[in-house]
Amino acid sequence: MLDCEQRIRRSKKFKPDPLIPEFTNLDKDYKKSGYDRGHQMDAYDCGCDSTAMIESFYYSNVAPQEPTLNRGIWKKLEEYNRKLAKEYDSILVWCGAVTFED
């Protein structure tokens, strides 16, 4: 969903996923952590649908990212994906996070 008549304004308000609120109330974990809340499904790509935009800001759609990653190469990857989607009409992108415990 890249081109639409009117793009939905970016929310910027992260919140728990209502389907799994007990596992996704992460405000306190990100405060002063030094990590960005990196979208797995890019909010820009949800800009044609108000529900999709809201859902893109659920904590179930974010992963901790170093700011230089999130605002650098990750952003470039998202832009490249949009370029490919326009060129080929659509593409499939799979994304997820890997966590490690000490």
PDB file of N, CA and C in Angstrom:
ATOM      1  N   MET A   1       0.844  -1.176   0.000  1.00  0.00           N
ATOM      2  CA  MET A   1       0.000   0.000   0.000  1.00  0.00           C
ATOM      3  C   MET A   1       0.887   1.236   0.000  1.00  0.00           C
ATOM      4  N   LEU A   2       1.384   1.623  -1.121  1.00  0.00           N
ATOM      5  CA  LEU A   2       2.286   2.757  -1.156  1.00  0.00           C
ATOM      6  C   LEU A   2       1.607   4.024  -1.642  1.00  0.00           C
ATOM      7  N   ASP A   3       0.875   3.934  -2.723  1.00  0.00           N
ATOM      8  CA  ASP A   3       0.234   5.102  -3.282  1.00  0.00           C
ATOM      9  C   ASP A   3      -1.240   5.110  -2.908  1.00  0.00           C
ATOM     10  N   CYS A   4      -1.694   6.234  -2.383  1.00  0.00           N
ATOM     11  CA  CYS A   4      -3.098   6.373  -2.039  1.00  0.00           C
ATOM     12  C   CYS A   4      -3.464   7.852  -2.178  1.00  0.00           C
ATOM     13  N   GLU A   5      -4.753   8.115  -2.239  1.00  0.00           N
ATOM     14  CA  GLU A   5      -5.200   9.495  -2.432  1.00  0.00           C
ATOM     15  C   GLU A   5      -4.766  10.392  -1.285  1.00  0.00           C
ATOM     16  N   GLN A   6      -4.956   9.933  -0.080  1.00  0.00           N
ATOM     17  CA  GLN A   6      -4.584  10.734   1.080  1.00  0.00           C
ATOM     18  C   GLN A   6      -3.912   9.848   2.112  1.00  0.00           C
ATOM     19  N   ARG A   7      -2.667  10.171   2.456  1.00  0.00           N
ATOM     20  CA  ARG A   7      -1.929   9.378   3.435  1.00  0.00           C
ATOM     21  C   ARG A   7      -2.405   9.695   4.843  1.00  0.00           C
ATOM     22  N   ILE A   8      -2.466   8.666   5.658  1.00  0.00           N
ATOM     23  CA  ILE A   8      -2.827   8.798   7.064  1.00  0.00           C
ATOM     24  C   ILE A   8      -1.638   9.407   7.802  1.00  0.00           C
ATOM     25  N   ARG A   9      -1.928  10.323   8.695  1.00  0.00           N
ATOM     26  CA  ARG A   9      -0.866  10.940   9.472  1.00  0.00           C
ATOM     27  C   ARG A   9      -0.228   9.917  10.410  1.00  0.00           C
ATOM     28  N   ARG A  10       1.086   9.942  10.491  1.00  0.00           N
ATOM     29  CA  ARG A  10       1.848   9.019  11.342  1.00  0.00           C
ATOM     30  C   ARG A  10       1.464   9.231  12.801  1.00  0.00           C
ATOM     31  N   SER A  11       1.199   8.154  13.495  1.00  0.00           N
ATOM     32  CA  SER A  11       0.705   8.205  14.863  1.00  0.00           C
ATOM     33  C   SER A  11       1.760   8.659  15.871  1.00  0.00           C
ATOM     34  N   LYS A  12       2.886   7.991  15.913  1.00  0.00           N
ATOM     35  CA  LYS A  12       3.966   8.216  16.869  1.00  0.00           C
ATOM     36  C   LYS A  12       3.614   7.820  18.301  1.00  0.00           C
ATOM     37  N   LYS A  13       2.443   7.243  18.518  1.00  0.00           N
ATOM     38  CA  LYS A  13       2.053   6.817  19.869  1.00  0.00           C
ATOM     39  C   LYS A  13       2.091   5.294  19.949  1.00  0.00           C
ATOM     40  N   PHE A  14       3.112   4.780  20.592  1.00  0.00           N
ATOM     41  CA  PHE A  14       3.232   3.339  20.771  1.00  0.00           C
ATOM     42  C   PHE A  14       2.325   2.900  21.915  1.00  0.00           C
ATOM     43  N   LYS A  15       1.723   1.709  21.749  1.00  0.00           N
ATOM     44  CA  LYS A  15       0.837   1.205  22.799  1.00  0.00           C
ATOM     45  C   LYS A  15       0.787  -0.315  22.760  1.00  0.00           C
ATOM     46  N   PRO A  16       0.300  -0.906  23.859  1.00  0.00           N
ATOM     47  CA  PRO A  16       0.202  -2.369  23.908  1.00  0.00           C
ATOM     48  C   PRO A  16      -0.758  -2.902  22.841  1.00  0.00           C
ATOM     49  N   ASP A  17      -0.446  -4.074  22.352  1.00  0.00           N
ATOM     50  CA  ASP A  17      -1.323  -4.772  21.422  1.00  0.00           C
ATOM     51  C   ASP A  17      -2.528  -5.273  22.226  1.00  0.00           C
ATOM     52  N   PRO A  18      -3.753  -4.896  21.868  1.00  0.00           N
ATOM     53  CA  PRO A  18      -4.913  -5.318  22.653  1.00  0.00           C
ATOM     54  C   PRO A  18      -5.127  -6.825  22.690  1.00  0.00           C
ATOM     55  N   LEU A  19      -4.553  -7.556  21.748  1.00  0.00           N
ATOM     56  CA  LEU A  19      -4.699  -9.010  21.762  1.00  0.00           C
ATOM     57  C   LEU A  19      -3.736  -9.679  22.746  1.00  0.00           C
ATOM     58  N   ILE A  20      -2.640  -8.996  23.061  1.00  0.00           N
ATOM     59  CA  ILE A  20      -1.660  -9.549  24.008  1.00  0.00           C
ATOM     60  C   ILE A  20      -1.110  -8.435  24.919  1.00  0.00           C
ATOM     61  N   PRO A  21      -1.981  -7.706  25.611  1.00  0.00           N
ATOM     62  CA  PRO A  21      -1.537  -6.536  26.394  1.00  0.00           C
ATOM     63  C   PRO A  21      -0.554  -6.867  27.513  1.00  0.00           C
ATOM     64  N   GLU A  22      -0.691  -8.032  28.118  1.00  0.00           N
ATOM     65  CA  GLU A  22       0.187  -8.367  29.242  1.00  0.00           C
ATOM     66  C   GLU A  22       1.638  -8.574  28.814  1.00  0.00           C
ATOM     67  N   PHE A  23       1.871  -8.806  27.527  1.00  0.00           N
ATOM     68  CA  PHE A  23       3.233  -9.011  27.037  1.00  0.00           C
ATOM     69  C   PHE A  23       3.758  -7.833  26.234  1.00  0.00           C
ATOM     70  N   THR A  24       2.948  -6.820  26.026  1.00  0.00           N
ATOM     71  CA  THR A  24       3.389  -5.754  25.140  1.00  0.00           C
ATOM     72  C   THR A  24       3.235  -4.356  25.736  1.00  0.00           C
ATOM     73  N   ASN A  25       3.181  -4.243  27.047  1.00  0.00           N
ATOM     74  CA  ASN A  25       3.163  -2.925  27.672  1.00  0.00           C
ATOM     75  C   ASN A  25       4.612  -2.569  27.996  1.00  0.00           C
ATOM     76  N   LEU A  26       5.305  -2.017  27.018  1.00  0.00           N
ATOM     77  CA  LEU A  26       6.759  -1.870  27.103  1.00  0.00           C
ATOM     78  C   LEU A  26       7.247  -0.434  27.269  1.00  0.00           C
ATOM     79  N   ASP A  27       6.376   0.506  27.562  1.00  0.00           N
ATOM     80  CA  ASP A  27       6.807   1.894  27.720  1.00  0.00           C
ATOM     81  C   ASP A  27       7.992   2.011  28.668  1.00  0.00           C
ATOM     82  N   LYS A  28       7.883   1.400  29.839  1.00  0.00           N
ATOM     83  CA  LYS A  28       8.928   1.512  30.854  1.00  0.00           C
ATOM     84  C   LYS A  28      10.247   0.897  30.394  1.00  0.00           C
ATOM     85  N   ASP A  29      10.189  -0.116  29.559  1.00  0.00           N
ATOM     86  CA  ASP A  29      11.411  -0.771  29.102  1.00  0.00           C
ATOM     87  C   ASP A  29      12.214   0.087  28.120  1.00  0.00           C
ATOM     88  N   TYR A  30      11.549   0.943  27.384  1.00  0.00           N
ATOM     89  CA  TYR A  30      12.246   1.775  26.406  1.00  0.00           C
ATOM     90  C   TYR A  30      12.708   3.110  26.970  1.00  0.00           C
ATOM     91  N   LYS A  31      12.046   3.598  28.034  1.00  0.00           N
ATOM     92  CA  LYS A  31      12.408   4.898  28.618  1.00  0.00           C
ATOM     93  C   LYS A  31      13.866   4.900  29.052  1.00  0.00           C
ATOM     94  N   LYS A  32      14.615   5.842  28.524  1.00  0.00           N
ATOM     95  CA  LYS A  32      16.035   6.034  28.876  1.00  0.00           C
ATOM     96  C   LYS A  32      16.883   4.789  28.648  1.00  0.00           C
ATOM     97  N   SER A  33      16.451   3.916  27.735  1.00  0.00           N
ATOM     98  CA  SER A  33      17.213   2.699  27.460  1.00  0.00           C
ATOM     99  C   SER A  33      18.315   2.940  26.432  1.00  0.00           C
ATOM    100  N   GLY A  34      18.151   3.994  25.638  1.00  0.00           N
ATOM    101  CA  GLY A  34      19.107   4.231  24.563  1.00  0.00           C
ATOM    102  C   GLY A  34      18.725   3.545  23.270  1.00  0.00           C
ATOM    103  N   TYR A  35      17.640   2.770  23.286  1.00  0.00           N
ATOM    104  CA  TYR A  35      17.200   2.059  22.088  1.00  0.00           C
ATOM    105  C   TYR A  35      15.986   2.738  21.471  1.00  0.00           C
ATOM    106  N   ASP A  36      15.924   2.686  20.140  1.00  0.00           N
ATOM    107  CA  ASP A  36      14.735   3.109  19.412  1.00  0.00           C
ATOM    108  C   ASP A  36      13.721   1.985  19.410  1.00  0.00           C
ATOM    109  N   ARG A  37      12.462   2.351  19.280  1.00  0.00           N
ATOM    110  CA  ARG A  37      11.410   1.357  19.054  1.00  0.00           C
ATOM    111  C   ARG A  37      11.324   1.181  17.541  1.00  0.00           C
ATOM    112  N   GLY A  38      12.043   0.207  17.037  1.00  0.00           N
ATOM    113  CA  GLY A  38      12.138  -0.005  15.596  1.00  0.00           C
ATOM    114  C   GLY A  38      10.960  -0.804  15.072  1.00  0.00           C
ATOM    115  N   HIS A  39      10.251  -0.215  14.111  1.00  0.00           N
ATOM    116  CA  HIS A  39       9.121  -0.920  13.497  1.00  0.00           C
ATOM    117  C   HIS A  39       9.617  -2.133  12.719  1.00  0.00           C
ATOM    118  N   GLN A  40       8.905  -3.228  12.836  1.00  0.00           N
ATOM    119  CA  GLN A  40       9.169  -4.364  11.965  1.00  0.00           C
ATOM    120  C   GLN A  40       8.408  -4.166  10.651  1.00  0.00           C
ATOM    121  N   MET A  41       7.126  -3.832  10.746  1.00  0.00           N
ATOM    122  CA  MET A  41       6.344  -3.412   9.576  1.00  0.00           C
ATOM    123  C   MET A  41       6.374  -1.890   9.583  1.00  0.00           C
ATOM    124  N   ASP A  42       6.995  -1.312   8.588  1.00  0.00           N
ATOM    125  CA  ASP A  42       7.198   0.129   8.530  1.00  0.00           C
ATOM    126  C   ASP A  42       5.875   0.897   8.564  1.00  0.00           C
ATOM    127  N   ALA A  43       5.803   1.903   9.419  1.00  0.00           N
ATOM    128  CA  ALA A  43       4.587   2.718   9.538  1.00  0.00           C
ATOM    129  C   ALA A  43       4.254   3.422   8.215  1.00  0.00           C
ATOM    130  N   TYR A  44       5.264   3.825   7.480  1.00  0.00           N
ATOM    131  CA  TYR A  44       5.009   4.508   6.207  1.00  0.00           C
ATOM    132  C   TYR A  44       4.184   3.629   5.271  1.00  0.00           C
ATOM    133  N   ASP A  45       4.477   2.349   5.270  1.00  0.00           N
ATOM    134  CA  ASP A  45       3.774   1.426   4.381  1.00  0.00           C
ATOM    135  C   ASP A  45       2.338   1.174   4.824  1.00  0.00           C
ATOM    136  N   CYS A  46       1.972   1.656   5.986  1.00  0.00           N
ATOM    137  CA  CYS A  46       0.595   1.535   6.492  1.00  0.00           C
ATOM    138  C   CYS A  46      -0.175   2.843   6.319  1.00  0.00           C
ATOM    139  N   GLY A  47       0.415   3.785   5.618  1.00  0.00           N
ATOM    140  CA  GLY A  47      -0.124   5.128   5.522  1.00  0.00           C
ATOM    141  C   GLY A  47      -1.393   5.305   4.717  1.00  0.00           C
ATOM    142  N   CYS A  48      -1.902   4.262   4.114  1.00  0.00           N
ATOM    143  CA  CYS A  48      -3.143   4.361   3.335  1.00  0.00           C
ATOM    144  C   CYS A  48      -4.345   3.836   4.111  1.00  0.00           C
ATOM    145  N   ASP A  49      -4.119   3.329   5.315  1.00  0.00           N
ATOM    146  CA  ASP A  49      -5.188   2.697   6.074  1.00  0.00           C
ATOM    147  C   ASP A  49      -5.048   3.080   7.543  1.00  0.00           C
ATOM    148  N   SER A  50      -6.073   3.709   8.097  1.00  0.00           N
ATOM    149  CA  SER A  50      -5.987   4.205   9.475  1.00  0.00           C
ATOM    150  C   SER A  50      -5.816   3.070  10.492  1.00  0.00           C
ATOM    151  N   THR A  51      -6.473   1.946  10.281  1.00  0.00           N
ATOM    152  CA  THR A  51      -6.329   0.817  11.199  1.00  0.00           C
ATOM    153  C   THR A  51      -4.911   0.264  11.141  1.00  0.00           C
ATOM    154  N   ALA A  52      -4.391   0.105   9.947  1.00  0.00           N
ATOM    155  CA  ALA A  52      -3.027  -0.400   9.788  1.00  0.00           C
ATOM    156  C   ALA A  52      -2.017   0.545  10.438  1.00  0.00           C
ATOM    157  N   MET A  53      -2.237   1.848  10.313  1.00  0.00           N
ATOM    158  CA  MET A  53      -1.316   2.811  10.923  1.00  0.00           C
ATOM    159  C   MET A  53      -1.321   2.654  12.444  1.00  0.00           C
ATOM    160  N   ILE A  54      -2.490   2.552  13.037  1.00  0.00           N
ATOM    161  CA  ILE A  54      -2.585   2.362  14.490  1.00  0.00           C
ATOM    162  C   ILE A  54      -1.891   1.065  14.900  1.00  0.00           C
ATOM    163  N   GLU A  55      -2.169  -0.008  14.169  1.00  0.00           N
ATOM    164  CA  GLU A  55      -1.598  -1.310  14.509  1.00  0.00           C
ATOM    165  C   GLU A  55      -0.084  -1.345  14.323  1.00  0.00           C
ATOM    166  N   SER A  56       0.443  -0.531  13.434  1.00  0.00           N
ATOM    167  CA  SER A  56       1.896  -0.513  13.238  1.00  0.00           C
ATOM    168  C   SER A  56       2.615   0.059  14.458  1.00  0.00           C
ATOM    169  N   PHE A  57       1.881   0.738  15.343  1.00  0.00           N
ATOM    170  CA  PHE A  57       2.470   1.293  16.559  1.00  0.00           C
ATOM    171  C   PHE A  57       2.202   0.429  17.795  1.00  0.00           C
ATOM    172  N   TYR A  58       1.701  -0.784  17.596  1.00  0.00           N
ATOM    173  CA  TYR A  58       1.587  -1.730  18.701  1.00  0.00           C
ATOM    174  C   TYR A  58       2.995  -2.220  19.043  1.00  0.00           C
ATOM    175  N   TYR A  59       3.236  -2.432  20.315  1.00  0.00           N
ATOM    176  CA  TYR A  59       4.551  -2.938  20.719  1.00  0.00           C
ATOM    177  C   TYR A  59       4.848  -4.318  20.148  1.00  0.00           C
ATOM    178  N   SER A  60       3.837  -5.050  19.741  1.00  0.00           N
ATOM    179  CA  SER A  60       4.077  -6.354  19.109  1.00  0.00           C
ATOM    180  C   SER A  60       4.716  -6.190  17.728  1.00  0.00           C
ATOM    181  N   ASN A  61       4.770  -4.974  17.215  1.00  0.00           N
ATOM    182  CA  ASN A  61       5.367  -4.702  15.909  1.00  0.00           C
ATOM    183  C   ASN A  61       6.720  -4.007  16.031  1.00  0.00           C
ATOM    184  N   VAL A  62       7.270  -3.885  17.221  1.00  0.00           N
ATOM    185  CA  VAL A  62       8.550  -3.198  17.352  1.00  0.00           C
ATOM    186  C   VAL A  62       9.602  -4.108  17.955  1.00  0.00           C
ATOM    187  N   ALA A  63      10.837  -3.739  17.704  1.00  0.00           N
ATOM    188  CA  ALA A  63      11.981  -4.430  18.279  1.00  0.00           C
ATOM    189  C   ALA A  63      13.003  -3.372  18.672  1.00  0.00           C
ATOM    190  N   PRO A  64      13.722  -3.583  19.767  1.00  0.00           N
ATOM    191  CA  PRO A  64      14.740  -2.608  20.143  1.00  0.00           C
ATOM    192  C   PRO A  64      15.819  -2.524  19.075  1.00  0.00           C
ATOM    193  N   GLN A  65      16.133  -1.296  18.689  1.00  0.00           N
ATOM    194  CA  GLN A  65      17.180  -1.094  17.690  1.00  0.00           C
ATOM    195  C   GLN A  65      18.099   0.037  18.150  1.00  0.00           C
ATOM    196  N   GLU A  66      19.375  -0.153  17.920  1.00  0.00           N
ATOM    197  CA  GLU A  66      20.317   0.946  18.128  1.00  0.00           C
ATOM    198  C   GLU A  66      19.864   2.090  17.221  1.00  0.00           C
ATOM    199  N   PRO A  67      19.898   3.327  17.702  1.00  0.00           N
ATOM    200  CA  PRO A  67      19.458   4.455  16.872  1.00  0.00           C
ATOM    201  C   PRO A  67      20.173   4.533  15.523  1.00  0.00           C
ATOM    202  N   THR A  68      21.468   4.225  15.490  1.00  0.00           N
ATOM    203  CA  THR A  68      22.188   4.305  14.215  1.00  0.00           C
ATOM    204  C   THR A  68      21.701   3.246  13.226  1.00  0.00           C
ATOM    205  N   LEU A  69      21.270   2.087  13.728  1.00  0.00           N
ATOM    206  CA  LEU A  69      20.694   1.062  12.857  1.00  0.00           C
ATOM    207  C   LEU A  69      19.317   1.501  12.367  1.00  0.00           C
ATOM    208  N   ASN A  70      18.437   1.883  13.300  1.00  0.00           N
ATOM    209  CA  ASN A  70      17.059   2.226  12.966  1.00  0.00           C
ATOM    210  C   ASN A  70      16.982   3.401  11.993  1.00  0.00           C
ATOM    211  N   ARG A  71      17.794   4.402  12.213  1.00  0.00           N
ATOM    212  CA  ARG A  71      17.731   5.623  11.410  1.00  0.00           C
ATOM    213  C   ARG A  71      18.699   5.592  10.233  1.00  0.00           C
ATOM    214  N   GLY A  72      19.474   4.529  10.148  1.00  0.00           N
ATOM    215  CA  GLY A  72      20.471   4.403   9.090  1.00  0.00           C
ATOM    216  C   GLY A  72      20.122   3.310   8.102  1.00  0.00           C
ATOM    217  N   ILE A  73      20.836   2.186   8.218  1.00  0.00           N
ATOM    218  CA  ILE A  73      20.702   1.104   7.234  1.00  0.00           C
ATOM    219  C   ILE A  73      19.302   0.492   7.235  1.00  0.00           C
ATOM    220  N   TRP A  74      18.635   0.430   8.408  1.00  0.00           N
ATOM    221  CA  TRP A  74      17.270  -0.126   8.447  1.00  0.00           C
ATOM    222  C   TRP A  74      16.331   0.755   7.640  1.00  0.00           C
ATOM    223  N   LYS A  75      16.456   2.065   7.803  1.00  0.00           N
ATOM    224  CA  LYS A  75      15.631   3.009   7.041  1.00  0.00           C
ATOM    225  C   LYS A  75      15.897   2.858   5.540  1.00  0.00           C
ATOM    226  N   LYS A  76      17.163   2.700   5.192  1.00  0.00           N
ATOM    227  CA  LYS A  76      17.509   2.509   3.771  1.00  0.00           C
ATOM    228  C   LYS A  76      16.909   1.209   3.234  1.00  0.00           C
ATOM    229  N   LEU A  77      16.903   0.173   4.062  1.00  0.00           N
ATOM    230  CA  LEU A  77      16.301  -1.096   3.652  1.00  0.00           C
ATOM    231  C   LEU A  77      14.804  -0.928   3.402  1.00  0.00           C
ATOM    232  N   GLU A  78      14.117  -0.195   4.287  1.00  0.00           N
ATOM    233  CA  GLU A  78      12.689   0.065   4.100  1.00  0.00           C
ATOM    234  C   GLU A  78      12.437   0.838   2.802  1.00  0.00           C
ATOM    235  N   GLU A  79      13.272   1.822   2.533  1.00  0.00           N
ATOM    236  CA  GLU A  79      13.133   2.609   1.302  1.00  0.00           C
ATOM    237  C   GLU A  79      13.393   1.741   0.074  1.00  0.00           C
ATOM    238  N   TYR A  80      14.387   0.858   0.160  1.00  0.00           N
ATOM    239  CA  TYR A  80      14.688  -0.055  -0.944  1.00  0.00           C
ATOM    240  C   TYR A  80      13.519  -1.007  -1.191  1.00  0.00           C
ATOM    241  N   ASN A  81      12.912  -1.508  -0.122  1.00  0.00           N
ATOM    242  CA  ASN A  81      11.739  -2.376  -0.268  1.00  0.00           C
ATOM    243  C   ASN A  81      10.607  -1.653  -0.999  1.00  0.00           C
ATOM    244  N   ARG A  82      10.382  -0.379  -0.660  1.00  0.00           N
ATOM    245  CA  ARG A  82       9.338   0.393  -1.347  1.00  0.00           C
ATOM    246  C   ARG A  82       9.670   0.553  -2.830  1.00  0.00           C
ATOM    247  N   LYS A  83      10.940   0.781  -3.133  1.00  0.00           N
ATOM    248  CA  LYS A  83      11.368   0.903  -4.537  1.00  0.00           C
ATOM    249  C   LYS A  83      11.077  -0.398  -5.293  1.00  0.00           C
ATOM    250  N   LEU A  84      11.420  -1.526  -4.685  1.00  0.00           N
ATOM    251  CA  LEU A  84      11.164  -2.815  -5.332  1.00  0.00           C
ATOM    252  C   LEU A  84       9.665  -3.062  -5.499  1.00  0.00           C
ATOM    253  N   ALA A  85       8.877  -2.700  -4.495  1.00  0.00           N
ATOM    254  CA  ALA A  85       7.424  -2.898  -4.577  1.00  0.00           C
ATOM    255  C   ALA A  85       6.819  -2.092  -5.722  1.00  0.00           C
ATOM    256  N   LYS A  86       7.323  -0.900  -5.939  1.00  0.00           N
ATOM    257  CA  LYS A  86       6.830  -0.093  -7.070  1.00  0.00           C
ATOM    258  C   LYS A  86       7.270  -0.703  -8.397  1.00  0.00           C
ATOM    259  N   GLU A  87       8.495  -1.165  -8.438  1.00  0.00           N
ATOM    260  CA  GLU A  87       9.049  -1.735  -9.669  1.00  0.00           C
ATOM    261  C   GLU A  87       8.357  -3.038 -10.055  1.00  0.00           C
ATOM    262  N   TYR A  88       8.061  -3.888  -9.077  1.00  0.00           N
ATOM    263  CA  TYR A  88       7.484  -5.206  -9.345  1.00  0.00           C
ATOM    264  C   TYR A  88       6.013  -5.322  -8.964  1.00  0.00           C
ATOM    265  N   ASP A  89       5.382  -4.232  -8.620  1.00  0.00           N
ATOM    266  CA  ASP A  89       3.981  -4.161  -8.206  1.00  0.00           C
ATOM    267  C   ASP A  89       3.774  -4.602  -6.771  1.00  0.00           C
ATOM    268  N   SER A  90       4.431  -5.648  -6.331  1.00  0.00           N
ATOM    269  CA  SER A  90       4.341  -6.078  -4.939  1.00  0.00           C
ATOM    270  C   SER A  90       5.532  -6.976  -4.626  1.00  0.00           C
ATOM    271  N   ILE A  91       5.847  -7.060  -3.361  1.00  0.00           N
ATOM    272  CA  ILE A  91       6.907  -7.959  -2.895  1.00  0.00           C
ATOM    273  C   ILE A  91       6.466  -8.542  -1.556  1.00  0.00           C
ATOM    274  N   LEU A  92       7.062  -9.631  -1.161  1.00  0.00           N
ATOM    275  CA  LEU A  92       6.835 -10.210   0.161  1.00  0.00           C
ATOM    276  C   LEU A  92       8.057  -9.936   1.015  1.00  0.00           C
ATOM    277  N   VAL A  93       7.829  -9.429   2.212  1.00  0.00           N
ATOM    278  CA  VAL A  93       8.915  -9.141   3.149  1.00  0.00           C
ATOM    279  C   VAL A  93       8.592  -9.824   4.461  1.00  0.00           C
ATOM    280  N   TRP A  94       9.520 -10.609   4.964  1.00  0.00           N
ATOM    281  CA  TRP A  94       9.363 -11.272   6.251  1.00  0.00           C
ATOM    282  C   TRP A  94      10.343 -10.640   7.221  1.00  0.00           C
ATOM    283  N   CYS A  95       9.887 -10.381   8.409  1.00  0.00           N
ATOM    284  CA  CYS A  95      10.732  -9.739   9.401  1.00  0.00           C
ATOM    285  C   CYS A  95      10.389 -10.276  10.777  1.00  0.00           C
ATOM    286  N   GLY A  96      11.356 -10.296  11.639  1.00  0.00           N
ATOM    287  CA  GLY A  96      11.133 -10.712  13.012  1.00  0.00           C
ATOM    288  C   GLY A  96      12.332 -10.363  13.850  1.00  0.00           C
ATOM    289  N   ALA A  97      12.238 -10.622  15.109  1.00  0.00           N
ATOM    290  CA  ALA A  97      13.330 -10.311  16.031  1.00  0.00           C
ATOM    291  C   ALA A  97      13.851 -11.580  16.668  1.00  0.00           C
ATOM    292  N   VAL A  98      15.120 -11.573  16.992  1.00  0.00           N
ATOM    293  CA  VAL A  98      15.761 -12.664  17.695  1.00  0.00           C
ATOM    294  C   VAL A  98      16.236 -12.111  19.026  1.00  0.00           C
ATOM    295  N   THR A  99      15.942 -12.807  20.097  1.00  0.00           N
ATOM    296  CA  THR A  99      16.396 -12.349  21.409  1.00  0.00           C
ATOM    297  C   THR A  99      17.320 -13.387  22.027  1.00  0.00           C
ATOM    298  N   PHE A 100      18.207 -12.898  22.853  1.00  0.00           N
ATOM    299  CA  PHE A 100      19.145 -13.759  23.546  1.00  0.00           C
ATOM    300  C   PHE A 100      19.064 -13.474  25.024  1.00  0.00           C
ATOM    301  N   GLU A 101      19.120 -14.505  25.819  1.00  0.00           N
ATOM    302  CA  GLU A 101      19.151 -14.339  27.268  1.00  0.00           C
ATOM    303  C   GLU A 101      20.505 -14.793  27.773  1.00  0.00           C
ATOM    304  N   ASP A 102      20.988 -14.083  28.768  1.00  0.00           N
ATOM    305  CA  ASP A 102      22.278 -14.458  29.365  1.00  0.00           C
ATOM    306  C   ASP A 102      22.118 -15.654  30.280  1.00  0.00           C
TER     307      ASP A 102
END
